[in-house]
Amino acid sequence: MFNKVLEFKNDRELYMAYMPFLKQGGLFVKTQEQHELGDKFNLEVFLPGSLEAAIIEGSVCWITPHGAQNGTEAGVGISFNKDETNLRSQIESALGRLLNSKEPTYTM
């Protein structure tokens, strides 16, 4: 099990990391560390303007290796397994109109 703290300073950072195409939602984690599909993570997520973290369990479902095409950031996508804090809803509420943006993210 890996532990990671993610602190998003603004909505744009959150938009770049959010993975809405996953059934339960997910977040991209920038890292140079090597991970395998299925690796388990505990994420401590601070949304923009939040003083309290949401804790969520997830699994690696996406890998962008170091040196990927187009200079894309290296890291892993973590799909939410247990969303007891309703993090997906909180993220989508925070992002609002940005969810419909055509601007590329770290994963799509």
C-alpha atoms as a PDB file:
ATOM      1  CA  MET A   1       0.000   0.000   0.000  1.00  0.00           C
ATOM      2  CA  PHE A   2       1.346   3.412  -0.991  1.00  0.00           C
ATOM      3  CA  ASN A   3       0.416   6.683   0.709  1.00  0.00           C
ATOM      4  CA  LYS A   4       0.326  10.018  -1.070  1.00  0.00           C
ATOM      5  CA  VAL A   5      -0.768  13.528  -0.130  1.00  0.00           C
ATOM      6  CA  LEU A   6      -2.212  15.594  -2.991  1.00  0.00           C
ATOM      7  CA  GLU A   7      -2.747  19.296  -2.452  1.00  0.00           C
ATOM      8  CA  PHE A   8      -4.444  21.169  -5.267  1.00  0.00           C
ATOM      9  CA  LYS A   9      -3.812  24.908  -5.155  1.00  0.00           C
ATOM     10  CA  ASN A  10      -6.429  25.856  -7.748  1.00  0.00           C
ATOM     11  CA  ASP A  11      -9.202  24.468  -9.952  1.00  0.00           C
ATOM     12  CA  ARG A  12      -6.951  24.237 -13.010  1.00  0.00           C
ATOM     13  CA  GLU A  13      -4.523  21.913 -11.181  1.00  0.00           C
ATOM     14  CA  LEU A  14      -7.467  19.784 -10.068  1.00  0.00           C
ATOM     15  CA  TYR A  15      -8.907  19.724 -13.608  1.00  0.00           C
ATOM     16  CA  MET A  16      -5.566  18.535 -15.014  1.00  0.00           C
ATOM     17  CA  ALA A  17      -5.449  15.615 -12.559  1.00  0.00           C
ATOM     18  CA  TYR A  18      -9.117  14.575 -12.445  1.00  0.00           C
ATOM     19  CA  MET A  19     -10.132  11.443 -14.362  1.00  0.00           C
ATOM     20  CA  PRO A  20     -13.931  11.750 -14.896  1.00  0.00           C
ATOM     21  CA  PHE A  21     -14.038   8.880 -17.392  1.00  0.00           C
ATOM     22  CA  LEU A  22     -13.529   6.367 -14.562  1.00  0.00           C
ATOM     23  CA  LYS A  23     -16.743   4.940 -13.111  1.00  0.00           C
ATOM     24  CA  GLN A  24     -16.007   6.063  -9.539  1.00  0.00           C
ATOM     25  CA  GLY A  25     -13.658   8.888 -10.554  1.00  0.00           C
ATOM     26  CA  GLY A  26      -9.926   9.095 -10.080  1.00  0.00           C
ATOM     27  CA  LEU A  27      -6.887  11.347  -9.929  1.00  0.00           C
ATOM     28  CA  PHE A  28      -3.573  11.448 -11.741  1.00  0.00           C
ATOM     29  CA  VAL A  29      -0.569  11.491  -9.405  1.00  0.00           C
ATOM     30  CA  LYS A  30       2.680  12.928 -10.768  1.00  0.00           C
ATOM     31  CA  THR A  31       5.559  10.677  -9.740  1.00  0.00           C
ATOM     32  CA  GLN A  32       8.894   9.386 -10.970  1.00  0.00           C
ATOM     33  CA  GLU A  33       8.416   6.201  -8.910  1.00  0.00           C
ATOM     34  CA  GLN A  34       7.691   2.968 -10.755  1.00  0.00           C
ATOM     35  CA  HIS A  35       4.268   1.426 -10.107  1.00  0.00           C
ATOM     36  CA  GLU A  36       2.304  -1.487 -11.506  1.00  0.00           C
ATOM     37  CA  LEU A  37      -1.337  -1.642 -12.555  1.00  0.00           C
ATOM     38  CA  GLY A  38      -3.374  -2.606  -9.515  1.00  0.00           C
ATOM     39  CA  ASP A  39      -0.978  -1.137  -6.914  1.00  0.00           C
ATOM     40  CA  LYS A  40      -3.049   0.113  -3.963  1.00  0.00           C
ATOM     41  CA  PHE A  41      -2.908   3.713  -2.758  1.00  0.00           C
ATOM     42  CA  ASN A  42      -4.266   5.688   0.162  1.00  0.00           C
ATOM     43  CA  LEU A  43      -4.703   9.264  -1.018  1.00  0.00           C
ATOM     44  CA  GLU A  44      -5.017  12.260   1.256  1.00  0.00           C
ATOM     45  CA  VAL A  45      -6.579  14.895  -1.011  1.00  0.00           C
ATOM     46  CA  PHE A  46      -6.787  18.618  -0.277  1.00  0.00           C
ATOM     47  CA  LEU A  47      -9.125  20.336  -2.734  1.00  0.00           C
ATOM     48  CA  PRO A  48      -8.575  24.043  -3.584  1.00  0.00           C
ATOM     49  CA  GLY A  49      -9.491  26.196  -0.593  1.00  0.00           C
ATOM     50  CA  SER A  50     -10.064  23.189   1.663  1.00  0.00           C
ATOM     51  CA  LEU A  51      -8.549  22.993   5.122  1.00  0.00           C
ATOM     52  CA  GLU A  52      -9.464  19.353   5.611  1.00  0.00           C
ATOM     53  CA  ALA A  53      -8.283  16.403   3.529  1.00  0.00           C
ATOM     54  CA  ALA A  54     -10.502  13.755   2.003  1.00  0.00           C
ATOM     55  CA  ILE A  55      -9.034  10.280   2.489  1.00  0.00           C
ATOM     56  CA  ILE A  56      -9.674   7.781  -0.286  1.00  0.00           C
ATOM     57  CA  GLU A  57      -8.503   4.305  -1.270  1.00  0.00           C
ATOM     58  CA  GLY A  58      -7.612   3.644  -4.876  1.00  0.00           C
ATOM     59  CA  SER A  59      -5.726   1.476  -7.342  1.00  0.00           C
ATOM     60  CA  VAL A  60      -3.361   2.263 -10.201  1.00  0.00           C
ATOM     61  CA  CYS A  61      -5.305   2.042 -13.478  1.00  0.00           C
ATOM     62  CA  TRP A  62      -3.158   4.264 -15.723  1.00  0.00           C
ATOM     63  CA  ILE A  63       0.597   4.609 -16.133  1.00  0.00           C
ATOM     64  CA  THR A  64       2.417   7.394 -17.953  1.00  0.00           C
ATOM     65  CA  PRO A  65       6.100   6.427 -17.949  1.00  0.00           C
ATOM     66  CA  HIS A  66       9.008   8.842 -17.711  1.00  0.00           C
ATOM     67  CA  GLY A  67       9.858  10.063 -21.231  1.00  0.00           C
ATOM     68  CA  ALA A  68       6.325   9.657 -22.620  1.00  0.00           C
ATOM     69  CA  GLN A  69       5.348  11.336 -25.890  1.00  0.00           C
ATOM     70  CA  ASN A  70       4.638  15.064 -26.079  1.00  0.00           C
ATOM     71  CA  GLY A  71       6.451  15.720 -22.794  1.00  0.00           C
ATOM     72  CA  THR A  72       3.510  14.425 -20.777  1.00  0.00           C
ATOM     73  CA  GLU A  73       4.139  14.320 -17.020  1.00  0.00           C
ATOM     74  CA  ALA A  74       5.227  10.949 -15.634  1.00  0.00           C
ATOM     75  CA  GLY A  75       2.850   9.438 -13.115  1.00  0.00           C
ATOM     76  CA  VAL A  76      -0.044   7.118 -12.414  1.00  0.00           C
ATOM     77  CA  GLY A  77      -3.811   7.376 -12.536  1.00  0.00           C
ATOM     78  CA  ILE A  78      -5.504   6.206  -9.362  1.00  0.00           C
ATOM     79  CA  SER A  79      -9.103   5.017  -9.669  1.00  0.00           C
ATOM     80  CA  PHE A  80     -11.212   5.512  -6.543  1.00  0.00           C
ATOM     81  CA  ASN A  81     -12.154   2.196  -4.920  1.00  0.00           C
ATOM     82  CA  LYS A  82     -13.972   3.394  -1.815  1.00  0.00           C
ATOM     83  CA  ASP A  83     -15.361   6.929  -1.964  1.00  0.00           C
ATOM     84  CA  GLU A  84     -16.809   7.248   1.535  1.00  0.00           C
ATOM     85  CA  THR A  85     -16.148  11.014   1.600  1.00  0.00           C
ATOM     86  CA  ASN A  86     -17.952  11.581  -1.745  1.00  0.00           C
ATOM     87  CA  LEU A  87     -14.746  12.985  -3.205  1.00  0.00           C
ATOM     88  CA  ARG A  88     -15.920  12.548  -6.789  1.00  0.00           C
ATOM     89  CA  SER A  89     -18.964  14.749  -6.112  1.00  0.00           C
ATOM     90  CA  GLN A  90     -16.830  17.335  -4.310  1.00  0.00           C
ATOM     91  CA  ILE A  91     -14.401  17.480  -7.257  1.00  0.00           C
ATOM     92  CA  GLU A  92     -17.144  17.772  -9.861  1.00  0.00           C
ATOM     93  CA  SER A  93     -18.854  20.486  -7.834  1.00  0.00           C
ATOM     94  CA  ALA A  94     -15.572  22.414  -7.537  1.00  0.00           C
ATOM     95  CA  LEU A  95     -14.799  22.089 -11.246  1.00  0.00           C
ATOM     96  CA  GLY A  96     -18.271  22.993 -12.528  1.00  0.00           C
ATOM     97  CA  ARG A  97     -17.971  24.293 -16.108  1.00  0.00           C
ATOM     98  CA  LEU A  98     -14.327  23.192 -16.393  1.00  0.00           C
ATOM     99  CA  LEU A  99     -15.562  19.591 -16.710  1.00  0.00           C
ATOM    100  CA  ASN A 100     -16.733  20.410 -20.258  1.00  0.00           C
ATOM    101  CA  SER A 101     -13.409  21.944 -21.274  1.00  0.00           C
ATOM    102  CA  LYS A 102     -11.636  20.591 -24.345  1.00  0.00           C
ATOM    103  CA  GLU A 103      -8.245  21.460 -22.800  1.00  0.00           C
ATOM    104  CA  PRO A 104      -6.036  18.365 -22.525  1.00  0.00           C
ATOM    105  CA  THR A 105      -5.343  16.908 -19.095  1.00  0.00           C
ATOM    106  CA  TYR A 106      -2.538  14.690 -17.816  1.00  0.00           C
ATOM    107  CA  THR A 107      -4.399  11.623 -19.082  1.00  0.00           C
ATOM    108  CA  MET A 108      -6.591  12.594 -22.045  1.00  0.00           C
END
